[in-house]
C-alpha atoms as a PDB file:
ATOM      1  CA  UNK A   1      44.793  28.689 -70.731  1.00  0.00           C
ATOM      2  CA  UNK A   2      43.713  25.383 -69.384  1.00  0.00           C
ATOM      3  CA  UNK A   3      46.376  23.010 -68.083  1.00  0.00           C
ATOM      4  CA  UNK A   4      47.521  19.296 -69.179  1.00  0.00           C
ATOM      5  CA  UNK A   5      46.634  16.664 -66.902  1.00  0.00           C
ATOM      6  CA  UNK A   6      43.805  14.054 -65.970  1.00  0.00           C
ATOM      7  CA  UNK A   7      40.835  15.755 -64.905  1.00  0.00           C
ATOM      8  CA  UNK A   8      37.446  14.268 -63.405  1.00  0.00           C
ATOM      9  CA  UNK A   9      34.019  13.891 -65.576  1.00  0.00           C
ATOM     10  CA  UNK A  10      31.881  12.494 -63.688  1.00  0.00           C
ATOM     11  CA  UNK A  11      31.304   9.360 -61.587  1.00  0.00           C
ATOM     12  CA  UNK A  12      31.007   5.744 -62.901  1.00  0.00           C
ATOM     13  CA  UNK A  13      27.849   4.566 -61.205  1.00  0.00           C
ATOM     14  CA  UNK A  14      26.198   7.606 -63.201  1.00  0.00           C
ATOM     15  CA  UNK A  15      26.871   5.891 -67.066  1.00  0.00           C
ATOM     16  CA  UNK A  16      25.239   2.800 -66.987  1.00  0.00           C
ATOM     17  CA  UNK A  17      26.186   0.628 -70.211  1.00  0.00           C
ATOM     18  CA  UNK A  18      24.865   1.433 -73.261  1.00  0.00           C
ATOM     19  CA  UNK A  19      24.056   5.318 -71.602  1.00  0.00           C
ATOM     20  CA  UNK A  20      24.934   8.102 -74.155  1.00  0.00           C
ATOM     21  CA  UNK A  21      25.601  11.904 -72.366  1.00  0.00           C
ATOM     22  CA  UNK A  22      26.616  15.132 -73.439  1.00  0.00           C
ATOM     23  CA  UNK A  23      30.139  16.199 -72.182  1.00  0.00           C
ATOM     24  CA  UNK A  24      31.609  19.661 -72.899  1.00  0.00           C
ATOM     25  CA  UNK A  25      35.140  20.578 -71.080  1.00  0.00           C
ATOM     26  CA  UNK A  26      37.857  22.226 -72.392  1.00  0.00           C
ATOM     27  CA  UNK A  27      36.054  24.477 -74.851  1.00  0.00           C
ATOM     28  CA  UNK A  28      34.921  21.475 -76.322  1.00  0.00           C
ATOM     29  CA  UNK A  29      32.017  19.573 -77.183  1.00  0.00           C
ATOM     30  CA  UNK A  30      32.557  15.901 -76.845  1.00  0.00           C
ATOM     31  CA  UNK A  31      29.917  12.836 -76.493  1.00  0.00           C
ATOM     32  CA  UNK A  32      30.487  10.353 -73.430  1.00  0.00           C
ATOM     33  CA  UNK A  33      29.307   6.831 -73.453  1.00  0.00           C
ATOM     34  CA  UNK A  34      29.792   3.421 -72.349  1.00  0.00           C
ATOM     35  CA  UNK A  35      29.751   0.542 -74.441  1.00  0.00           C
ATOM     36  CA  UNK A  36      27.312  -2.694 -73.677  1.00  0.00           C
ATOM     37  CA  UNK A  37      30.363  -4.464 -72.908  1.00  0.00           C
ATOM     38  CA  UNK A  38      30.891  -1.363 -70.600  1.00  0.00           C
ATOM     39  CA  UNK A  39      33.748   0.175 -71.809  1.00  0.00           C
ATOM     40  CA  UNK A  40      34.180   4.110 -71.413  1.00  0.00           C
ATOM     41  CA  UNK A  41      34.148   6.475 -74.383  1.00  0.00           C
ATOM     42  CA  UNK A  42      34.611   9.730 -75.096  1.00  0.00           C
ATOM     43  CA  UNK A  43      34.722  11.081 -78.642  1.00  0.00           C
ATOM     44  CA  UNK A  44      34.624  14.342 -80.320  1.00  0.00           C
ATOM     45  CA  UNK A  45      30.712  15.035 -80.590  1.00  0.00           C
ATOM     46  CA  UNK A  46      30.352  15.938 -84.258  1.00  0.00           C
ATOM     47  CA  UNK A  47      29.668  13.024 -86.954  1.00  0.00           C
ATOM     48  CA  UNK A  48      32.293  13.614 -89.395  1.00  0.00           C
ATOM     49  CA  UNK A  49      29.108  13.047 -91.837  1.00  0.00           C
ATOM     50  CA  UNK A  50      27.634  15.799 -91.626  1.00  0.00           C
ATOM     51  CA  UNK A  51      28.212  17.269 -88.475  1.00  0.00           C
ATOM     52  CA  UNK A  52      25.401  15.971 -86.127  1.00  0.00           C
ATOM     53  CA  UNK A  53      25.854  16.215 -82.337  1.00  0.00           C
ATOM     54  CA  UNK A  54      25.985  12.358 -81.658  1.00  0.00           C
ATOM     55  CA  UNK A  55      25.480  13.364 -77.657  1.00  0.00           C
ATOM     56  CA  UNK A  56      21.872  14.240 -78.648  1.00  0.00           C
ATOM     57  CA  UNK A  57      19.997  11.378 -80.039  1.00  0.00           C
ATOM     58  CA  UNK A  58      23.049   8.939 -80.625  1.00  0.00           C
ATOM     59  CA  UNK A  59      22.774   5.282 -79.241  1.00  0.00           C
ATOM     60  CA  UNK A  60      24.749   2.764 -78.137  1.00  0.00           C
ATOM     61  CA  UNK A  61      24.897  -0.387 -80.806  1.00  0.00           C
ATOM     62  CA  UNK A  62      27.332  -2.948 -79.567  1.00  0.00           C
ATOM     63  CA  UNK A  63      30.355  -1.048 -79.192  1.00  0.00           C
ATOM     64  CA  UNK A  64      29.834   1.619 -81.608  1.00  0.00           C
ATOM     65  CA  UNK A  65      27.736   4.485 -80.999  1.00  0.00           C
ATOM     66  CA  UNK A  66      24.906   5.454 -83.810  1.00  0.00           C
ATOM     67  CA  UNK A  67      24.606   8.557 -85.504  1.00  0.00           C
ATOM     68  CA  UNK A  68      20.922  10.004 -84.892  1.00  0.00           C
ATOM     69  CA  UNK A  69      21.467  11.667 -88.647  1.00  0.00           C
ATOM     70  CA  UNK A  70      21.879   9.024 -90.975  1.00  0.00           C
ATOM     71  CA  UNK A  71      22.383   6.267 -88.292  1.00  0.00           C
ATOM     72  CA  UNK A  72      26.272   5.809 -89.356  1.00  0.00           C
ATOM     73  CA  UNK A  73      28.359   3.914 -86.536  1.00  0.00           C
ATOM     74  CA  UNK A  74      31.589   5.101 -85.054  1.00  0.00           C
ATOM     75  CA  UNK A  75      33.665   2.902 -82.915  1.00  0.00           C
ATOM     76  CA  UNK A  76      35.791   3.768 -79.670  1.00  0.00           C
ATOM     77  CA  UNK A  77      38.832   4.231 -81.982  1.00  0.00           C
ATOM     78  CA  UNK A  78      36.447   7.094 -83.815  1.00  0.00           C
ATOM     79  CA  UNK A  79      36.576   4.955 -86.921  1.00  0.00           C
ATOM     80  CA  UNK A  80      33.477   4.632 -89.220  1.00  0.00           C
ATOM     81  CA  UNK A  81      31.843   0.827 -89.085  1.00  0.00           C
ATOM     82  CA  UNK A  82      28.682   0.935 -90.494  1.00  0.00           C
ATOM     83  CA  UNK A  83      26.897   3.086 -93.356  1.00  0.00           C
ATOM     84  CA  UNK A  84      23.114   1.570 -93.263  1.00  0.00           C
ATOM     85  CA  UNK A  85      22.643   2.413 -96.894  1.00  0.00           C
ATOM     86  CA  UNK A  86      25.652   1.150 -98.818  1.00  0.00           C
ATOM     87  CA  UNK A  87      28.082  -1.885 -98.324  1.00  0.00           C
ATOM     88  CA  UNK A  88      31.470   0.135 -97.927  1.00  0.00           C
ATOM     89  CA  UNK A  89      32.382   2.241 -94.736  1.00  0.00           C
ATOM     90  CA  UNK A  90      34.265   5.231 -95.304  1.00  0.00           C
ATOM     91  CA  UNK A  91      37.841   5.129 -94.383  1.00  0.00           C
ATOM     92  CA  UNK A  92      38.956   8.365 -94.995  1.00  0.00           C
ATOM     93  CA  UNK A  93      36.976  10.371 -91.918  1.00  0.00           C
ATOM     94  CA  UNK A  94      37.818  10.090 -87.986  1.00  0.00           C
ATOM     95  CA  UNK A  95      36.638  11.324 -85.428  1.00  0.00           C
ATOM     96  CA  UNK A  96      38.529  12.500 -82.376  1.00  0.00           C
ATOM     97  CA  UNK A  97      39.195  10.480 -79.558  1.00  0.00           C
ATOM     98  CA  UNK A  98      40.044  11.339 -75.928  1.00  0.00           C
ATOM     99  CA  UNK A  99      42.255   9.079 -73.306  1.00  0.00           C
ATOM    100  CA  UNK A 100      39.600   8.140 -70.220  1.00  0.00           C
ATOM    101  CA  UNK A 101      40.029   5.858 -66.997  1.00  0.00           C
ATOM    102  CA  UNK A 102      38.332   5.051 -64.138  1.00  0.00           C
ATOM    103  CA  UNK A 103      39.455   4.485 -60.791  1.00  0.00           C
ATOM    104  CA  UNK A 104      37.656   4.022 -57.356  1.00  0.00           C
ATOM    105  CA  UNK A 105      34.497   4.895 -59.287  1.00  0.00           C
ATOM    106  CA  UNK A 106      35.422   7.902 -60.971  1.00  0.00           C
ATOM    107  CA  UNK A 107      35.622   8.947 -64.469  1.00  0.00           C
ATOM    108  CA  UNK A 108      38.853  10.842 -65.529  1.00  0.00           C
ATOM    109  CA  UNK A 109      39.807  12.322 -69.086  1.00  0.00           C
ATOM    110  CA  UNK A 110      43.181  13.180 -70.389  1.00  0.00           C
ATOM    111  CA  UNK A 111      43.536  16.786 -71.444  1.00  0.00           C
ATOM    112  CA  UNK A 112      46.957  17.943 -73.410  1.00  0.00           C
ATOM    113  CA  UNK A 113      46.847  21.229 -75.959  1.00  0.00           C
ATOM    114  CA  UNK A 114      49.488  19.416 -77.622  1.00  0.00           C
ATOM    115  CA  UNK A 115      47.403  15.969 -78.033  1.00  0.00           C
ATOM    116  CA  UNK A 116      49.428  13.124 -77.375  1.00  0.00           C
ATOM    117  CA  UNK A 117      49.047  10.189 -74.432  1.00  0.00           C
ATOM    118  CA  UNK A 118      49.115  10.665 -70.838  1.00  0.00           C
ATOM    119  CA  UNK A 119      52.318  11.378 -69.153  1.00  0.00           C
ATOM    120  CA  UNK A 120      51.301   9.511 -66.241  1.00  0.00           C
ATOM    121  CA  UNK A 121      48.607   7.375 -64.582  1.00  0.00           C
ATOM    122  CA  UNK A 122      45.851   7.738 -62.438  1.00  0.00           C
ATOM    123  CA  UNK A 123      46.289   5.807 -59.124  1.00  0.00           C
ATOM    124  CA  UNK A 124      43.708   4.852 -56.313  1.00  0.00           C
ATOM    125  CA  UNK A 125      43.578   7.277 -53.425  1.00  0.00           C
ATOM    126  CA  UNK A 126      43.828   3.652 -51.511  1.00  0.00           C
ATOM    127  CA  UNK A 127      47.410   3.347 -52.933  1.00  0.00           C
ATOM    128  CA  UNK A 128      48.797   6.608 -52.361  1.00  0.00           C
ATOM    129  CA  UNK A 129      48.702   6.717 -48.186  1.00  0.00           C
ATOM    130  CA  UNK A 130      50.573   4.224 -46.129  1.00  0.00           C
ATOM    131  CA  UNK A 131      48.230   4.064 -43.148  1.00  0.00           C
ATOM    132  CA  UNK A 132      44.423   4.932 -45.322  1.00  0.00           C
ATOM    133  CA  UNK A 133      43.810   0.870 -45.612  1.00  0.00           C
ATOM    134  CA  UNK A 134      42.038  -0.418 -48.589  1.00  0.00           C
ATOM    135  CA  UNK A 135      38.638   0.593 -49.769  1.00  0.00           C
ATOM    136  CA  UNK A 136      36.709  -2.121 -47.947  1.00  0.00           C
ATOM    137  CA  UNK A 137      37.496   0.004 -44.823  1.00  0.00           C
ATOM    138  CA  UNK A 138      35.456   2.624 -46.254  1.00  0.00           C
ATOM    139  CA  UNK A 139      31.931   3.456 -47.036  1.00  0.00           C
ATOM    140  CA  UNK A 140      30.324   3.838 -49.938  1.00  0.00           C
ATOM    141  CA  UNK A 141      30.226   7.789 -50.990  1.00  0.00           C
ATOM    142  CA  UNK A 142      27.534   7.122 -53.613  1.00  0.00           C
ATOM    143  CA  UNK A 143      25.001   5.602 -50.552  1.00  0.00           C
ATOM    144  CA  UNK A 144      26.575   7.519 -47.885  1.00  0.00           C
ATOM    145  CA  UNK A 145      26.105  11.265 -49.053  1.00  0.00           C
ATOM    146  CA  UNK A 146      30.288  11.552 -49.894  1.00  0.00           C
ATOM    147  CA  UNK A 147      29.760  13.232 -53.364  1.00  0.00           C
ATOM    148  CA  UNK A 148      29.182  16.704 -54.150  1.00  0.00           C
ATOM    149  CA  UNK A 149      29.159  18.715 -57.424  1.00  0.00           C
ATOM    150  CA  UNK A 150      29.221  22.309 -57.920  1.00  0.00           C
ATOM    151  CA  UNK A 151      27.659  24.238 -60.669  1.00  0.00           C
ATOM    152  CA  UNK A 152      30.028  25.706 -63.544  1.00  0.00           C
ATOM    153  CA  UNK A 153      32.094  28.631 -61.637  1.00  0.00           C
ATOM    154  CA  UNK A 154      34.493  31.028 -62.190  1.00  0.00           C
ATOM    155  CA  UNK A 155      37.380  28.843 -60.694  1.00  0.00           C
ATOM    156  CA  UNK A 156      40.700  27.911 -62.484  1.00  0.00           C
ATOM    157  CA  UNK A 157      42.437  24.430 -61.063  1.00  0.00           C
ATOM    158  CA  UNK A 158      45.413  26.063 -59.654  1.00  0.00           C
ATOM    159  CA  UNK A 159      43.062  27.751 -56.974  1.00  0.00           C
ATOM    160  CA  UNK A 160      42.377  24.029 -55.171  1.00  0.00           C
ATOM    161  CA  UNK A 161      46.298  23.596 -55.834  1.00  0.00           C
ATOM    162  CA  UNK A 162      47.931  26.180 -53.932  1.00  0.00           C
ATOM    163  CA  UNK A 163      45.908  24.759 -51.209  1.00  0.00           C
ATOM    164  CA  UNK A 164      48.232  22.526 -50.613  1.00  0.00           C
ATOM    165  CA  UNK A 165      51.055  25.079 -49.785  1.00  0.00           C
ATOM    166  CA  UNK A 166      48.076  27.383 -47.625  1.00  0.00           C
ATOM    167  CA  UNK A 167      48.408  26.672 -44.191  1.00  0.00           C
ATOM    168  CA  UNK A 168      47.265  29.859 -43.037  1.00  0.00           C
ATOM    169  CA  UNK A 169      43.664  29.618 -44.278  1.00  0.00           C
ATOM    170  CA  UNK A 170      43.370  26.163 -42.366  1.00  0.00           C
ATOM    171  CA  UNK A 171      42.184  28.733 -38.972  1.00  0.00           C
ATOM    172  CA  UNK A 172      40.915  31.396 -41.030  1.00  0.00           C
ATOM    173  CA  UNK A 173      38.662  29.501 -43.356  1.00  0.00           C
ATOM    174  CA  UNK A 174      38.052  26.385 -41.879  1.00  0.00           C
ATOM    175  CA  UNK A 175      38.403  27.260 -38.512  1.00  0.00           C
ATOM    176  CA  UNK A 176      40.596  25.000 -37.179  1.00  0.00           C
ATOM    177  CA  UNK A 177      41.421  25.985 -33.705  1.00  0.00           C
ATOM    178  CA  UNK A 178      45.090  26.708 -34.472  1.00  0.00           C
ATOM    179  CA  UNK A 179      47.537  26.971 -37.487  1.00  0.00           C
ATOM    180  CA  UNK A 180      48.440  23.404 -38.462  1.00  0.00           C
ATOM    181  CA  UNK A 181      52.094  22.511 -38.813  1.00  0.00           C
ATOM    182  CA  UNK A 182      54.041  21.346 -41.939  1.00  0.00           C
ATOM    183  CA  UNK A 183      55.402  18.579 -41.093  1.00  0.00           C
ATOM    184  CA  UNK A 184      56.940  17.622 -44.370  1.00  0.00           C
ATOM    185  CA  UNK A 185      56.436  19.144 -48.753  1.00  0.00           C
ATOM    186  CA  UNK A 186      58.129  17.079 -51.547  1.00  0.00           C
ATOM    187  CA  UNK A 187      57.780  18.170 -55.192  1.00  0.00           C
ATOM    188  CA  UNK A 188      57.897  15.034 -58.046  1.00  0.00           C
ATOM    189  CA  UNK A 189      57.569  15.934 -61.634  1.00  0.00           C
ATOM    190  CA  UNK A 190      53.972  15.867 -61.488  1.00  0.00           C
ATOM    191  CA  UNK A 191      53.298  15.262 -57.900  1.00  0.00           C
ATOM    192  CA  UNK A 192      53.364  17.517 -54.899  1.00  0.00           C
ATOM    193  CA  UNK A 193      52.942  15.676 -51.316  1.00  0.00           C
ATOM    194  CA  UNK A 194      52.745  17.178 -47.996  1.00  0.00           C
ATOM    195  CA  UNK A 195      51.406  16.384 -44.606  1.00  0.00           C
ATOM    196  CA  UNK A 196      50.139  18.891 -42.040  1.00  0.00           C
ATOM    197  CA  UNK A 197      49.665  18.234 -38.210  1.00  0.00           C
ATOM    198  CA  UNK A 198      47.117  19.876 -36.456  1.00  0.00           C
ATOM    199  CA  UNK A 199      45.021  19.536 -33.122  1.00  0.00           C
ATOM    200  CA  UNK A 200      41.259  19.618 -33.238  1.00  0.00           C
ATOM    201  CA  UNK A 201      38.348  19.667 -30.273  1.00  0.00           C
ATOM    202  CA  UNK A 202      35.802  16.974 -30.576  1.00  0.00           C
ATOM    203  CA  UNK A 203      33.133  16.391 -28.016  1.00  0.00           C
ATOM    204  CA  UNK A 204      32.337  13.216 -26.138  1.00  0.00           C
ATOM    205  CA  UNK A 205      29.298  11.263 -25.613  1.00  0.00           C
ATOM    206  CA  UNK A 206      29.300  12.965 -22.071  1.00  0.00           C
ATOM    207  CA  UNK A 207      29.540  16.419 -23.936  1.00  0.00           C
ATOM    208  CA  UNK A 208      32.920  17.128 -22.671  1.00  0.00           C
ATOM    209  CA  UNK A 209      35.197  18.673 -25.365  1.00  0.00           C
ATOM    210  CA  UNK A 210      38.930  16.753 -25.533  1.00  0.00           C
ATOM    211  CA  UNK A 211      41.765  17.389 -27.644  1.00  0.00           C
ATOM    212  CA  UNK A 212      42.395  15.184 -30.886  1.00  0.00           C
ATOM    213  CA  UNK A 213      46.085  15.418 -32.609  1.00  0.00           C
ATOM    214  CA  UNK A 214      45.086  15.096 -36.521  1.00  0.00           C
ATOM    215  CA  UNK A 215      47.100  14.688 -39.634  1.00  0.00           C
ATOM    216  CA  UNK A 216      46.773  15.351 -43.132  1.00  0.00           C
ATOM    217  CA  UNK A 217      48.194  13.859 -45.902  1.00  0.00           C
ATOM    218  CA  UNK A 218      48.036  15.466 -49.549  1.00  0.00           C
ATOM    219  CA  UNK A 219      48.866  14.053 -52.836  1.00  0.00           C
ATOM    220  CA  UNK A 220      48.224  16.614 -56.022  1.00  0.00           C
ATOM    221  CA  UNK A 221      48.618  15.137 -59.096  1.00  0.00           C
ATOM    222  CA  UNK A 222      48.785  17.764 -61.649  1.00  0.00           C
ATOM    223  CA  UNK A 223      46.649  20.564 -61.262  1.00  0.00           C
ATOM    224  CA  UNK A 224      43.289  18.898 -61.478  1.00  0.00           C
ATOM    225  CA  UNK A 225      43.199  16.195 -58.967  1.00  0.00           C
ATOM    226  CA  UNK A 226      44.097  16.527 -55.077  1.00  0.00           C
ATOM    227  CA  UNK A 227      44.130  13.371 -53.289  1.00  0.00           C
ATOM    228  CA  UNK A 228      44.067  13.591 -49.187  1.00  0.00           C
ATOM    229  CA  UNK A 229      43.685  11.087 -46.352  1.00  0.00           C
ATOM    230  CA  UNK A 230      43.064  13.036 -43.189  1.00  0.00           C
ATOM    231  CA  UNK A 231      42.555  11.158 -39.676  1.00  0.00           C
ATOM    232  CA  UNK A 232      41.780  11.952 -35.748  1.00  0.00           C
ATOM    233  CA  UNK A 233      38.445  11.168 -35.168  1.00  0.00           C
ATOM    234  CA  UNK A 234      38.318   8.570 -37.879  1.00  0.00           C
ATOM    235  CA  UNK A 235      39.530   8.563 -41.268  1.00  0.00           C
ATOM    236  CA  UNK A 236      38.965  10.374 -44.518  1.00  0.00           C
ATOM    237  CA  UNK A 237      39.840   9.879 -47.937  1.00  0.00           C
ATOM    238  CA  UNK A 238      39.218  12.482 -50.577  1.00  0.00           C
ATOM    239  CA  UNK A 239      39.371  13.372 -54.056  1.00  0.00           C
ATOM    240  CA  UNK A 240      38.939  17.056 -55.067  1.00  0.00           C
ATOM    241  CA  UNK A 241      39.003  17.606 -58.729  1.00  0.00           C
ATOM    242  CA  UNK A 242      38.500  20.627 -61.061  1.00  0.00           C
ATOM    243  CA  UNK A 243      37.701  20.631 -64.345  1.00  0.00           C
ATOM    244  CA  UNK A 244      37.809  23.506 -66.720  1.00  0.00           C
ATOM    245  CA  UNK A 245      34.713  23.815 -69.057  1.00  0.00           C
ATOM    246  CA  UNK A 246      36.166  26.964 -70.965  1.00  0.00           C
ATOM    247  CA  UNK A 247      39.074  29.507 -70.236  1.00  0.00           C
ATOM    248  CA  UNK A 248      36.731  31.280 -67.889  1.00  0.00           C
ATOM    249  CA  UNK A 249      34.653  28.366 -65.560  1.00  0.00           C
ATOM    250  CA  UNK A 250      35.330  24.985 -64.068  1.00  0.00           C
ATOM    251  CA  UNK A 251      33.284  22.142 -62.316  1.00  0.00           C
ATOM    252  CA  UNK A 252      34.244  21.518 -59.052  1.00  0.00           C
ATOM    253  CA  UNK A 253      33.875  17.572 -57.945  1.00  0.00           C
ATOM    254  CA  UNK A 254      34.566  15.841 -54.649  1.00  0.00           C
ATOM    255  CA  UNK A 255      34.162  12.523 -52.973  1.00  0.00           C
ATOM    256  CA  UNK A 256      34.804  11.248 -49.882  1.00  0.00           C
ATOM    257  CA  UNK A 257      35.083   8.077 -48.055  1.00  0.00           C
ATOM    258  CA  UNK A 258      34.451   7.962 -44.343  1.00  0.00           C
ATOM    259  CA  UNK A 259      36.054   5.028 -42.532  1.00  0.00           C
ATOM    260  CA  UNK A 260      34.229   2.086 -41.012  1.00  0.00           C
ATOM    261  CA  UNK A 261      34.629   2.785 -37.623  1.00  0.00           C
ATOM    262  CA  UNK A 262      33.045  -0.155 -34.850  1.00  0.00           C
ATOM    263  CA  UNK A 263      30.178   1.232 -33.001  1.00  0.00           C
ATOM    264  CA  UNK A 264      29.276   4.157 -35.243  1.00  0.00           C
ATOM    265  CA  UNK A 265      25.915   4.708 -36.726  1.00  0.00           C
ATOM    266  CA  UNK A 266      24.897   5.800 -40.109  1.00  0.00           C
ATOM    267  CA  UNK A 267      23.960   9.065 -38.189  1.00  0.00           C
ATOM    268  CA  UNK A 268      27.348   9.488 -37.287  1.00  0.00           C
ATOM    269  CA  UNK A 269      28.638   8.448 -40.716  1.00  0.00           C
ATOM    270  CA  UNK A 270      26.967  11.079 -42.687  1.00  0.00           C
ATOM    271  CA  UNK A 271      27.934  13.693 -40.109  1.00  0.00           C
ATOM    272  CA  UNK A 272      31.247  13.193 -40.962  1.00  0.00           C
ATOM    273  CA  UNK A 273      30.544  13.073 -44.599  1.00  0.00           C
ATOM    274  CA  UNK A 274      28.914  16.377 -44.520  1.00  0.00           C
ATOM    275  CA  UNK A 275      31.462  17.811 -42.355  1.00  0.00           C
ATOM    276  CA  UNK A 276      34.428  16.962 -45.064  1.00  0.00           C
ATOM    277  CA  UNK A 277      31.816  18.261 -47.465  1.00  0.00           C
ATOM    278  CA  UNK A 278      31.532  21.400 -45.912  1.00  0.00           C
ATOM    279  CA  UNK A 279      34.950  22.143 -45.589  1.00  0.00           C
ATOM    280  CA  UNK A 280      35.309  22.375 -49.303  1.00  0.00           C
ATOM    281  CA  UNK A 281      32.229  24.512 -49.558  1.00  0.00           C
ATOM    282  CA  UNK A 282      34.266  26.945 -47.017  1.00  0.00           C
ATOM    283  CA  UNK A 283      37.052  27.227 -50.160  1.00  0.00           C
ATOM    284  CA  UNK A 284      34.943  27.481 -52.960  1.00  0.00           C
ATOM    285  CA  UNK A 285      33.044  30.409 -51.124  1.00  0.00           C
ATOM    286  CA  UNK A 286      36.513  31.862 -51.225  1.00  0.00           C
ATOM    287  CA  UNK A 287      37.360  30.830 -54.560  1.00  0.00           C
ATOM    288  CA  UNK A 288      34.501  31.854 -56.533  1.00  0.00           C
ATOM    289  CA  UNK A 289      35.037  35.593 -55.952  1.00  0.00           C
ATOM    290  CA  UNK A 290      38.891  35.028 -55.718  1.00  0.00           C
ATOM    291  CA  UNK A 291      41.261  37.381 -58.269  1.00  0.00           C
ATOM    292  CA  UNK A 292      44.284  35.494 -58.842  1.00  0.00           C
ATOM    293  CA  UNK A 293      47.506  37.979 -57.590  1.00  0.00           C
ATOM    294  CA  UNK A 294      50.505  37.606 -59.700  1.00  0.00           C
ATOM    295  CA  UNK A 295      52.799  38.651 -57.855  1.00  0.00           C
ATOM    296  CA  UNK A 296      51.624  37.863 -54.479  1.00  0.00           C
ATOM    297  CA  UNK A 297      52.076  39.956 -51.733  1.00  0.00           C
ATOM    298  CA  UNK A 298      52.898  37.105 -49.046  1.00  0.00           C
ATOM    299  CA  UNK A 299      53.884  36.841 -45.672  1.00  0.00           C
ATOM    300  CA  UNK A 300      57.618  35.776 -45.001  1.00  0.00           C
ATOM    301  CA  UNK A 301      56.283  32.447 -43.622  1.00  0.00           C
ATOM    302  CA  UNK A 302      54.273  31.393 -46.437  1.00  0.00           C
ATOM    303  CA  UNK A 303      56.910  32.609 -49.250  1.00  0.00           C
ATOM    304  CA  UNK A 304      58.690  29.933 -50.136  1.00  0.00           C
ATOM    305  CA  UNK A 305      55.584  27.405 -50.341  1.00  0.00           C
ATOM    306  CA  UNK A 306      53.787  29.763 -52.782  1.00  0.00           C
ATOM    307  CA  UNK A 307      56.986  30.425 -54.666  1.00  0.00           C
ATOM    308  CA  UNK A 308      57.707  26.782 -55.476  1.00  0.00           C
ATOM    309  CA  UNK A 309      53.907  25.695 -56.013  1.00  0.00           C
ATOM    310  CA  UNK A 310      53.964  28.168 -58.584  1.00  0.00           C
ATOM    311  CA  UNK A 311      57.154  27.306 -60.166  1.00  0.00           C
ATOM    312  CA  UNK A 312      56.387  23.734 -60.567  1.00  0.00           C
ATOM    313  CA  UNK A 313      52.721  24.467 -61.737  1.00  0.00           C
ATOM    314  CA  UNK A 314      54.719  25.625 -64.962  1.00  0.00           C
ATOM    315  CA  UNK A 315      55.232  22.550 -66.596  1.00  0.00           C
ATOM    316  CA  UNK A 316      51.170  22.154 -66.992  1.00  0.00           C
ATOM    317  CA  UNK A 317      50.622  24.722 -69.180  1.00  0.00           C
ATOM    318  CA  UNK A 318      51.308  24.077 -72.936  1.00  0.00           C
ATOM    319  CA  UNK A 319      54.999  26.968 -72.736  1.00  0.00           C
ATOM    320  CA  UNK A 320      56.796  24.153 -70.717  1.00  0.00           C
ATOM    321  CA  UNK A 321      55.749  21.218 -72.935  1.00  0.00           C
ATOM    322  CA  UNK A 322      57.155  23.179 -76.062  1.00  0.00           C
ATOM    323  CA  UNK A 323      60.213  23.687 -73.734  1.00  0.00           C
ATOM    324  CA  UNK A 324      60.116  27.347 -73.920  1.00  0.00           C
ATOM    325  CA  UNK A 325      62.886  29.182 -72.083  1.00  0.00           C
ATOM    326  CA  UNK A 326      62.383  29.864 -68.315  1.00  0.00           C
ATOM    327  CA  UNK A 327      61.451  34.002 -69.150  1.00  0.00           C
ATOM    328  CA  UNK A 328      58.895  33.142 -71.659  1.00  0.00           C
ATOM    329  CA  UNK A 329      56.869  30.322 -69.557  1.00  0.00           C
ATOM    330  CA  UNK A 330      57.246  33.009 -67.058  1.00  0.00           C
ATOM    331  CA  UNK A 331      55.258  35.409 -68.657  1.00  0.00           C
ATOM    332  CA  UNK A 332      52.749  33.115 -70.520  1.00  0.00           C
ATOM    333  CA  UNK A 333      51.489  31.417 -67.177  1.00  0.00           C
ATOM    334  CA  UNK A 334      51.416  34.288 -64.957  1.00  0.00           C
ATOM    335  CA  UNK A 335      49.624  36.312 -68.096  1.00  0.00           C
ATOM    336  CA  UNK A 336      47.169  33.457 -67.454  1.00  0.00           C
ATOM    337  CA  UNK A 337      47.090  33.632 -64.135  1.00  0.00           C
ATOM    338  CA  UNK A 338      46.337  37.416 -63.589  1.00  0.00           C
ATOM    339  CA  UNK A 339      43.398  36.742 -66.253  1.00  0.00           C
ATOM    340  CA  UNK A 340      42.278  33.808 -63.912  1.00  0.00           C
ATOM    341  CA  UNK A 341      41.748  31.705 -66.719  1.00  0.00           C
END
């Protein structure tokens, strides 16, 4: 089953005014377009006239999208605004609409199996962390190579979410010099925040290695979006997103903003960006072959963190929204996780 929440569907700069693109997420065919005024719109893809897929051949006309089959026009609310060969419009049929948002140059879509409005808003990554600074203090990831998008892979959003409590993998997957220290963890209604401290080695200009104290602050929003701010040798703000295509596959996207550092050239900036993306690739090499294990055989030191995040995650599945009993929620979610949905 696919969780409720906000999920990334691309980058804003990839959708110009007047552009139309197909979008397949959550086992649905959708049409993504931007009106001539710049408004982002997502509708169910099929025209309510005779079922043409408007993502293929449809075009933007002002604030509407025009179907390629008979030129019927539909607005951002899914209402028919024009039938070119008669004076009246169809006031009965309506195309399904999706809630969307844009922050930090990323496009988001709200998914809820029960329908309805978003339960929470998407923040800017630069609003979440006390000492991160504003966007003017960072390089544009679109121009410095700080973006990554994977092909659809058999991964689930909860794989990425559980990284927030998996302190041990930093050493064995990311080659950290030591297992980091967990400084804090806090679960909210829809959020999970944590801070880790770790020491790493950096090579100085003269070739010698020096030890640097680093921190990683993470902010999980639902199961689809992970925000972080890592600092030590410069700062990196990043957003990791896992967006389901269907019950088995998701697209993973990653955006990293490298801080502007005095005396740093383009080569060094690109290296920091590649390093951040490389960390994600290391996780991805595990996730795409992982079988979700429930119940897991955990070490004592990590048991509380995994228990807490799995309990917290249950609220994002349909059982939780229906107010099912705890036993029913556990059974439904555990079945989902065992399937790796």
